[in-house]
PDB file of N, CA and C in Angstrom:
ATOM      1  N   UNK A   1     -17.174  24.238  -1.154  1.00  0.00           N
ATOM      2  CA  UNK A   1     -16.536  23.791  -0.236  1.00  0.00           C
ATOM      3  C   UNK A   1     -15.757  22.567  -0.336  1.00  0.00           C
ATOM      4  N   UNK A   2     -14.642  22.630   0.341  1.00  0.00           N
ATOM      5  CA  UNK A   2     -13.458  21.527   0.000  1.00  0.00           C
ATOM      6  C   UNK A   2     -13.674  20.273   1.025  1.00  0.00           C
ATOM      7  N   UNK A   3     -13.579  20.515   2.114  1.00  0.00           N
ATOM      8  CA  UNK A   3     -13.434  19.510   3.189  1.00  0.00           C
ATOM      9  C   UNK A   3     -12.117  19.023   3.342  1.00  0.00           C
ATOM     10  N   UNK A   4     -12.099  17.835   3.859  1.00  0.00           N
ATOM     11  CA  UNK A   4     -10.803  17.305   4.447  1.00  0.00           C
ATOM     12  C   UNK A   4     -10.531  15.913   3.770  1.00  0.00           C
ATOM     13  N   UNK A   5      -9.303  15.619   3.248  1.00  0.00           N
ATOM     14  CA  UNK A   5      -8.916  14.479   2.683  1.00  0.00           C
ATOM     15  C   UNK A   5      -8.066  13.714   3.963  1.00  0.00           C
ATOM     16  N   UNK A   6      -8.200  12.407   4.119  1.00  0.00           N
ATOM     17  CA  UNK A   6      -7.349  11.649   5.139  1.00  0.00           C
ATOM     18  C   UNK A   6      -7.079  10.531   4.306  1.00  0.00           C
ATOM     19  N   UNK A   7      -5.735  10.110   4.147  1.00  0.00           N
ATOM     20  CA  UNK A   7      -5.158   8.980   3.853  1.00  0.00           C
ATOM     21  C   UNK A   7      -3.922   8.559   4.861  1.00  0.00           C
ATOM     22  N   UNK A   8      -4.448   7.172   5.092  1.00  0.00           N
ATOM     23  CA  UNK A   8      -3.604   6.445   5.949  1.00  0.00           C
ATOM     24  C   UNK A   8      -2.915   5.185   5.585  1.00  0.00           C
ATOM     25  N   UNK A   9      -1.770   4.922   5.869  1.00  0.00           N
ATOM     26  CA  UNK A   9      -1.133   3.558   5.353  1.00  0.00           C
ATOM     27  C   UNK A   9      -0.396   3.092   6.511  1.00  0.00           C
ATOM     28  N   UNK A  10      -0.518   1.802   6.699  1.00  0.00           N
ATOM     29  CA  UNK A  10       0.219   0.992   7.797  1.00  0.00           C
ATOM     30  C   UNK A  10       0.893  -0.223   7.178  1.00  0.00           C
ATOM     31  N   UNK A  11       1.851  -0.446   7.565  1.00  0.00           N
ATOM     32  CA  UNK A  11       2.822  -1.680   7.058  1.00  0.00           C
ATOM     33  C   UNK A  11       4.096  -1.705   7.977  1.00  0.00           C
ATOM     34  N   UNK A  12       4.925  -2.413   7.266  1.00  0.00           N
ATOM     35  CA  UNK A  12       6.374  -3.037   7.937  1.00  0.00           C
ATOM     36  C   UNK A  12       7.295  -2.674   7.017  1.00  0.00           C
ATOM     37  N   UNK A  13       8.449  -2.485   7.617  1.00  0.00           N
ATOM     38  CA  UNK A  13       9.866  -2.395   6.782  1.00  0.00           C
ATOM     39  C   UNK A  13      10.400  -3.990   6.964  1.00  0.00           C
ATOM     40  N   UNK A  14      10.689  -4.378   5.851  1.00  0.00           N
ATOM     41  CA  UNK A  14      11.074  -5.814   5.785  1.00  0.00           C
ATOM     42  C   UNK A  14      12.494  -5.831   5.274  1.00  0.00           C
ATOM     43  N   UNK A  15      13.156  -7.112   5.162  1.00  0.00           N
ATOM     44  CA  UNK A  15      14.489  -6.998   4.518  1.00  0.00           C
ATOM     45  C   UNK A  15      14.235  -6.772   2.910  1.00  0.00           C
ATOM     46  N   UNK A  16      13.134  -7.143   2.460  1.00  0.00           N
ATOM     47  CA  UNK A  16      12.808  -6.560   1.024  1.00  0.00           C
ATOM     48  C   UNK A  16      12.424  -5.299   0.645  1.00  0.00           C
ATOM     49  N   UNK A  17      12.171  -4.584   1.828  1.00  0.00           N
ATOM     50  CA  UNK A  17      11.720  -3.312   1.718  1.00  0.00           C
ATOM     51  C   UNK A  17      10.494  -2.834   2.367  1.00  0.00           C
ATOM     52  N   UNK A  18       9.790  -1.757   2.085  1.00  0.00           N
ATOM     53  CA  UNK A  18       8.532  -1.310   2.639  1.00  0.00           C
ATOM     54  C   UNK A  18       7.436  -2.026   2.085  1.00  0.00           C
ATOM     55  N   UNK A  19       6.618  -2.701   2.920  1.00  0.00           N
ATOM     56  CA  UNK A  19       5.378  -3.534   2.703  1.00  0.00           C
ATOM     57  C   UNK A  19       4.149  -3.090   3.477  1.00  0.00           C
ATOM     58  N   UNK A  20       3.286  -2.303   2.582  1.00  0.00           N
ATOM     59  CA  UNK A  20       2.149  -1.929   3.190  1.00  0.00           C
ATOM     60  C   UNK A  20       1.107  -3.016   3.627  1.00  0.00           C
ATOM     61  N   UNK A  21       0.405  -2.952   4.883  1.00  0.00           N
ATOM     62  CA  UNK A  21      -0.513  -3.885   5.068  1.00  0.00           C
ATOM     63  C   UNK A  21      -1.927  -3.537   4.844  1.00  0.00           C
ATOM     64  N   UNK A  22      -2.225  -2.031   5.077  1.00  0.00           N
ATOM     65  CA  UNK A  22      -3.691  -1.538   4.844  1.00  0.00           C
ATOM     66  C   UNK A  22      -3.271  -0.320   4.404  1.00  0.00           C
ATOM     67  N   UNK A  23      -4.372   0.289   3.663  1.00  0.00           N
ATOM     68  CA  UNK A  23      -4.546   1.671   3.175  1.00  0.00           C
ATOM     69  C   UNK A  23      -5.845   2.078   3.168  1.00  0.00           C
ATOM     70  N   UNK A  24      -6.042   3.309   3.428  1.00  0.00           N
ATOM     71  CA  UNK A  24      -7.573   3.946   3.332  1.00  0.00           C
ATOM     72  C   UNK A  24      -7.469   5.485   2.969  1.00  0.00           C
ATOM     73  N   UNK A  25      -8.402   5.721   2.072  1.00  0.00           N
ATOM     74  CA  UNK A  25      -8.517   7.126   1.464  1.00  0.00           C
ATOM     75  C   UNK A  25      -9.755   7.464   1.799  1.00  0.00           C
ATOM     76  N   UNK A  26      -9.971   8.644   2.399  1.00  0.00           N
ATOM     77  CA  UNK A  26     -11.220   9.222   2.830  1.00  0.00           C
ATOM     78  C   UNK A  26     -11.453  10.586   2.312  1.00  0.00           C
ATOM     79  N   UNK A  27     -12.607  10.854   1.590  1.00  0.00           N
ATOM     80  CA  UNK A  27     -12.761  12.233   0.973  1.00  0.00           C
ATOM     81  C   UNK A  27     -14.179  12.522   1.236  1.00  0.00           C
ATOM     82  N   UNK A  28     -14.193  13.958   1.283  1.00  0.00           N
ATOM     83  CA  UNK A  28     -15.526  14.638   1.649  1.00  0.00           C
ATOM     84  C   UNK A  28     -16.852  13.784   0.863  1.00  0.00           C
ATOM     85  N   UNK A  29     -17.957  13.937   1.565  1.00  0.00           N
ATOM     86  CA  UNK A  29     -19.294  13.382   0.966  1.00  0.00           C
ATOM     87  C   UNK A  29     -19.289  12.053   1.341  1.00  0.00           C
ATOM     88  N   UNK A  30     -18.477  11.419   2.277  1.00  0.00           N
ATOM     89  CA  UNK A  30     -18.739  10.002   2.750  1.00  0.00           C
ATOM     90  C   UNK A  30     -17.840   8.932   1.757  1.00  0.00           C
ATOM     91  N   UNK A  31     -17.238   9.467   0.741  1.00  0.00           N
ATOM     92  CA  UNK A  31     -16.350   8.937  -0.162  1.00  0.00           C
ATOM     93  C   UNK A  31     -15.118   7.979   0.480  1.00  0.00           C
ATOM     94  N   UNK A  32     -15.062   6.760   0.255  1.00  0.00           N
ATOM     95  CA  UNK A  32     -13.845   6.289   0.973  1.00  0.00           C
ATOM     96  C   UNK A  32     -13.593   4.902   0.004  1.00  0.00           C
ATOM     97  N   UNK A  33     -12.189   4.549   0.124  1.00  0.00           N
ATOM     98  CA  UNK A  33     -11.867   3.136  -0.672  1.00  0.00           C
ATOM     99  C   UNK A  33     -10.538   2.836   0.458  1.00  0.00           C
ATOM    100  N   UNK A  34     -10.567   1.340   0.742  1.00  0.00           N
ATOM    101  CA  UNK A  34      -9.519   0.956   1.395  1.00  0.00           C
ATOM    102  C   UNK A  34      -9.012  -0.462   0.735  1.00  0.00           C
ATOM    103  N   UNK A  35      -7.690  -0.615   1.211  1.00  0.00           N
ATOM    104  CA  UNK A  35      -7.070  -1.845   0.526  1.00  0.00           C
ATOM    105  C   UNK A  35      -6.240  -2.648   1.726  1.00  0.00           C
ATOM    106  N   UNK A  36      -6.461  -3.829   1.619  1.00  0.00           N
ATOM    107  CA  UNK A  36      -5.749  -4.816   2.650  1.00  0.00           C
ATOM    108  C   UNK A  36      -4.752  -5.811   1.720  1.00  0.00           C
ATOM    109  N   UNK A  37      -3.615  -5.745   2.268  1.00  0.00           N
ATOM    110  CA  UNK A  37      -2.744  -6.691   1.627  1.00  0.00           C
ATOM    111  C   UNK A  37      -2.470  -7.980   2.340  1.00  0.00           C
ATOM    112  N   UNK A  38      -2.514  -9.035   1.774  1.00  0.00           N
ATOM    113  CA  UNK A  38      -2.270 -10.409   2.441  1.00  0.00           C
ATOM    114  C   UNK A  38      -0.872 -10.904   1.605  1.00  0.00           C
ATOM    115  N   UNK A  39       0.116 -10.562   2.439  1.00  0.00           N
ATOM    116  CA  UNK A  39       1.356 -11.068   1.837  1.00  0.00           C
ATOM    117  C   UNK A  39       1.612 -12.361   1.854  1.00  0.00           C
ATOM    118  N   UNK A  40       0.927 -13.391   2.709  1.00  0.00           N
ATOM    119  CA  UNK A  40       1.139 -14.902   2.584  1.00  0.00           C
ATOM    120  C   UNK A  40       0.240 -15.177   1.402  1.00  0.00           C
ATOM    121  N   UNK A  41      -0.777 -14.678   1.057  1.00  0.00           N
ATOM    122  CA  UNK A  41      -1.475 -15.249   0.086  1.00  0.00           C
ATOM    123  C   UNK A  41      -1.294 -14.511  -1.411  1.00  0.00           C
ATOM    124  N   UNK A  42      -0.288 -13.638  -1.166  1.00  0.00           N
ATOM    125  CA  UNK A  42       0.112 -12.693  -2.438  1.00  0.00           C
ATOM    126  C   UNK A  42      -1.020 -12.009  -2.932  1.00  0.00           C
ATOM    127  N   UNK A  43      -1.993 -11.441  -2.064  1.00  0.00           N
ATOM    128  CA  UNK A  43      -3.303 -10.906  -2.670  1.00  0.00           C
ATOM    129  C   UNK A  43      -3.493  -9.457  -2.010  1.00  0.00           C
ATOM    130  N   UNK A  44      -4.286  -8.653  -2.749  1.00  0.00           N
ATOM    131  CA  UNK A  44      -4.687  -7.406  -2.224  1.00  0.00           C
ATOM    132  C   UNK A  44      -6.266  -7.318  -2.383  1.00  0.00           C
ATOM    133  N   UNK A  45      -6.916  -7.040  -1.318  1.00  0.00           N
ATOM    134  CA  UNK A  45      -8.397  -6.744  -1.254  1.00  0.00           C
ATOM    135  C   UNK A  45      -8.946  -5.312  -1.302  1.00  0.00           C
ATOM    136  N   UNK A  46      -9.506  -4.776  -2.193  1.00  0.00           N
ATOM    137  CA  UNK A  46     -10.051  -3.544  -2.261  1.00  0.00           C
ATOM    138  C   UNK A  46     -11.517  -3.332  -1.861  1.00  0.00           C
ATOM    139  N   UNK A  47     -11.792  -2.571  -0.956  1.00  0.00           N
ATOM    140  CA  UNK A  47     -13.241  -2.290  -0.602  1.00  0.00           C
ATOM    141  C   UNK A  47     -13.765  -0.744  -0.899  1.00  0.00           C
ATOM    142  N   UNK A  48     -14.844  -0.830  -1.678  1.00  0.00           N
ATOM    143  CA  UNK A  48     -15.309   0.706  -1.967  1.00  0.00           C
ATOM    144  C   UNK A  48     -16.760   0.382  -2.053  1.00  0.00           C
ATOM    145  N   UNK A  49     -17.523   1.346  -1.727  1.00  0.00           N
ATOM    146  CA  UNK A  49     -19.025   1.325  -1.538  1.00  0.00           C
ATOM    147  C   UNK A  49     -19.538  -0.030  -1.321  1.00  0.00           C
ATOM    148  N   UNK A  50     -19.104  -0.463  -0.175  1.00  0.00           N
ATOM    149  CA  UNK A  50     -19.584  -1.805   0.425  1.00  0.00           C
ATOM    150  C   UNK A  50     -19.138  -3.064  -0.373  1.00  0.00           C
ATOM    151  N   UNK A  51     -18.523  -2.869  -1.435  1.00  0.00           N
ATOM    152  CA  UNK A  51     -18.140  -3.960  -2.205  1.00  0.00           C
ATOM    153  C   UNK A  51     -16.634  -4.307  -2.187  1.00  0.00           C
ATOM    154  N   UNK A  52     -16.204  -5.568  -2.291  1.00  0.00           N
ATOM    155  CA  UNK A  52     -14.805  -5.744  -2.205  1.00  0.00           C
ATOM    156  C   UNK A  52     -14.340  -6.769  -3.398  1.00  0.00           C
ATOM    157  N   UNK A  53     -13.161  -6.520  -3.604  1.00  0.00           N
ATOM    158  CA  UNK A  53     -12.552  -7.220  -4.796  1.00  0.00           C
ATOM    159  C   UNK A  53     -11.232  -7.667  -4.400  1.00  0.00           C
ATOM    160  N   UNK A  54     -10.792  -8.997  -4.496  1.00  0.00           N
ATOM    161  CA  UNK A  54      -9.454  -9.481  -4.484  1.00  0.00           C
ATOM    162  C   UNK A  54      -8.777  -9.747  -5.524  1.00  0.00           C
ATOM    163  N   UNK A  55      -7.633  -9.427  -5.495  1.00  0.00           N
ATOM    164  CA  UNK A  55      -6.881  -9.366  -6.776  1.00  0.00           C
ATOM    165  C   UNK A  55      -5.365 -10.194  -6.437  1.00  0.00           C
ATOM    166  N   UNK A  56      -4.955 -10.931  -7.182  1.00  0.00           N
ATOM    167  CA  UNK A  56      -3.565 -11.596  -6.945  1.00  0.00           C
ATOM    168  C   UNK A  56      -2.397 -10.474  -7.114  1.00  0.00           C
ATOM    169  N   UNK A  57      -1.520 -10.324  -6.286  1.00  0.00           N
ATOM    170  CA  UNK A  57      -0.229  -9.614  -6.635  1.00  0.00           C
ATOM    171  C   UNK A  57       0.690 -10.124  -7.468  1.00  0.00           C
ATOM    172  N   UNK A  58       1.098  -9.443  -8.302  1.00  0.00           N
ATOM    173  CA  UNK A  58       2.325  -9.806  -9.227  1.00  0.00           C
ATOM    174  C   UNK A  58       3.575  -9.011  -8.903  1.00  0.00           C
ATOM    175  N   UNK A  59       4.569  -9.634  -8.279  1.00  0.00           N
ATOM    176  CA  UNK A  59       5.633  -9.230  -7.743  1.00  0.00           C
ATOM    177  C   UNK A  59       5.448  -8.152  -6.513  1.00  0.00           C
ATOM    178  N   UNK A  60       5.993  -7.222  -6.351  1.00  0.00           N
ATOM    179  CA  UNK A  60       5.910  -6.232  -5.276  1.00  0.00           C
ATOM    180  C   UNK A  60       4.814  -5.487  -5.418  1.00  0.00           C
ATOM    181  N   UNK A  61       4.162  -4.782  -4.535  1.00  0.00           N
ATOM    182  CA  UNK A  61       2.926  -4.037  -4.406  1.00  0.00           C
ATOM    183  C   UNK A  61       3.140  -2.860  -3.577  1.00  0.00           C
ATOM    184  N   UNK A  62       2.584  -1.537  -3.748  1.00  0.00           N
ATOM    185  CA  UNK A  62       2.471  -0.412  -2.868  1.00  0.00           C
ATOM    186  C   UNK A  62       1.106   0.139  -3.076  1.00  0.00           C
ATOM    187  N   UNK A  63       0.663   0.943  -2.075  1.00  0.00           N
ATOM    188  CA  UNK A  63      -0.471   1.583  -2.178  1.00  0.00           C
ATOM    189  C   UNK A  63      -0.063   3.210  -2.509  1.00  0.00           C
ATOM    190  N   UNK A  64      -0.926   4.044  -2.958  1.00  0.00           N
ATOM    191  CA  UNK A  64      -0.545   5.434  -3.400  1.00  0.00           C
ATOM    192  C   UNK A  64       0.444   6.149  -2.344  1.00  0.00           C
ATOM    193  N   UNK A  65       0.401   5.984  -1.385  1.00  0.00           N
ATOM    194  CA  UNK A  65       0.847   6.728  -0.132  1.00  0.00           C
ATOM    195  C   UNK A  65       2.260   6.054   0.164  1.00  0.00           C
ATOM    196  N   UNK A  66       2.160   4.832   0.397  1.00  0.00           N
ATOM    197  CA  UNK A  66       3.438   4.151   0.617  1.00  0.00           C
ATOM    198  C   UNK A  66       4.534   4.428  -0.557  1.00  0.00           C
ATOM    199  N   UNK A  67       4.004   4.353  -1.553  1.00  0.00           N
ATOM    200  CA  UNK A  67       4.795   4.329  -2.905  1.00  0.00           C
ATOM    201  C   UNK A  67       5.900   5.557  -3.005  1.00  0.00           C
ATOM    202  N   UNK A  68       5.304   6.681  -2.454  1.00  0.00           N
ATOM    203  CA  UNK A  68       6.160   7.903  -2.221  1.00  0.00           C
ATOM    204  C   UNK A  68       7.327   7.721  -1.320  1.00  0.00           C
ATOM    205  N   UNK A  69       7.371   6.688  -0.424  1.00  0.00           N
ATOM    206  CA  UNK A  69       8.348   6.586   0.456  1.00  0.00           C
ATOM    207  C   UNK A  69       9.152   4.842   0.332  1.00  0.00           C
ATOM    208  N   UNK A  70       8.585   4.299  -0.534  1.00  0.00           N
ATOM    209  CA  UNK A  70       9.177   3.021  -0.800  1.00  0.00           C
ATOM    210  C   UNK A  70      10.634   3.091  -1.106  1.00  0.00           C
ATOM    211  N   UNK A  71      10.963   4.145  -1.959  1.00  0.00           N
ATOM    212  CA  UNK A  71      12.475   4.269  -2.299  1.00  0.00           C
ATOM    213  C   UNK A  71      13.369   4.199  -1.491  1.00  0.00           C
ATOM    214  N   UNK A  72      12.918   4.923  -0.232  1.00  0.00           N
ATOM    215  CA  UNK A  72      13.921   5.081   0.836  1.00  0.00           C
ATOM    216  C   UNK A  72      14.267   3.745   1.568  1.00  0.00           C
ATOM    217  N   UNK A  73      13.552   2.717   1.315  1.00  0.00           N
ATOM    218  CA  UNK A  73      13.392   1.470   2.265  1.00  0.00           C
ATOM    219  C   UNK A  73      13.981   0.318   1.211  1.00  0.00           C
ATOM    220  N   UNK A  74      14.570   0.595  -0.070  1.00  0.00           N
ATOM    221  CA  UNK A  74      14.965  -0.452  -0.873  1.00  0.00           C
ATOM    222  C   UNK A  74      16.338  -0.972  -0.314  1.00  0.00           C
ATOM    223  N   UNK A  75      16.527  -2.213  -0.153  1.00  0.00           N
ATOM    224  CA  UNK A  75      17.941  -2.721   0.425  1.00  0.00           C
ATOM    225  C   UNK A  75      19.011  -2.155  -0.531  1.00  0.00           C
ATOM    226  N   UNK A  76      20.126  -2.044  -0.167  1.00  0.00           N
ATOM    227  CA  UNK A  76      21.103  -1.604  -0.959  1.00  0.00           C
ATOM    228  C   UNK A  76      21.682  -2.813  -1.693  1.00  0.00           C
ATOM    229  N   UNK A  77      22.035  -2.625  -3.103  1.00  0.00           N
ATOM    230  CA  UNK A  77      22.452  -3.897  -3.830  1.00  0.00           C
ATOM    231  C   UNK A  77      24.112  -4.159  -3.563  1.00  0.00           C
ATOM    232  N   UNK A  78      24.377  -5.350  -3.583  1.00  0.00           N
ATOM    233  CA  UNK A  78      25.697  -5.483  -3.401  1.00  0.00           C
ATOM    234  C   UNK A  78      26.657  -4.973  -4.360  1.00  0.00           C
ATOM    235  N   UNK A  79      27.892  -4.414  -4.107  1.00  0.00           N
ATOM    236  CA  UNK A  79      28.632  -3.709  -5.002  1.00  0.00           C
ATOM    237  C   UNK A  79      29.772  -4.593  -5.244  1.00  0.00           C
ATOM    238  N   UNK A  80      30.250  -4.595  -6.567  1.00  0.00           N
ATOM    239  CA  UNK A  80      31.615  -5.385  -7.000  1.00  0.00           C
ATOM    240  C   UNK A  80      32.503  -4.501  -6.789  1.00  0.00           C
ATOM    241  N   UNK A  81      33.273  -4.993  -5.924  1.00  0.00           N
ATOM    242  CA  UNK A  81      34.611  -4.230  -5.423  1.00  0.00           C
ATOM    243  C   UNK A  81      36.008  -4.676  -6.051  1.00  0.00           C
ATOM    244  N   UNK A  82      35.899  -5.609  -7.168  1.00  0.00           N
ATOM    245  CA  UNK A  82      37.027  -5.824  -7.946  1.00  0.00           C
ATOM    246  C   UNK A  82      37.301  -5.036  -9.110  1.00  0.00           C
TER     247      UNK A  82
END
């Protein structure tokens, strides 16, 4: 028996590109993991099995789902026209 996978990602499109705010991955058997991004504090908090861990972001960050779409929201680079 396989069950249903459910992945959600919520965030914003900013001048710097796609920025996730929260991510959740749910799998059969009650397995779930979530992540919340705090862009002001430059941290991400992961929660799994009732335990949470907060890590500092180094540079930009994406969750597994938003990563697949992030390239489409990268601001274009200025071109040298000379």
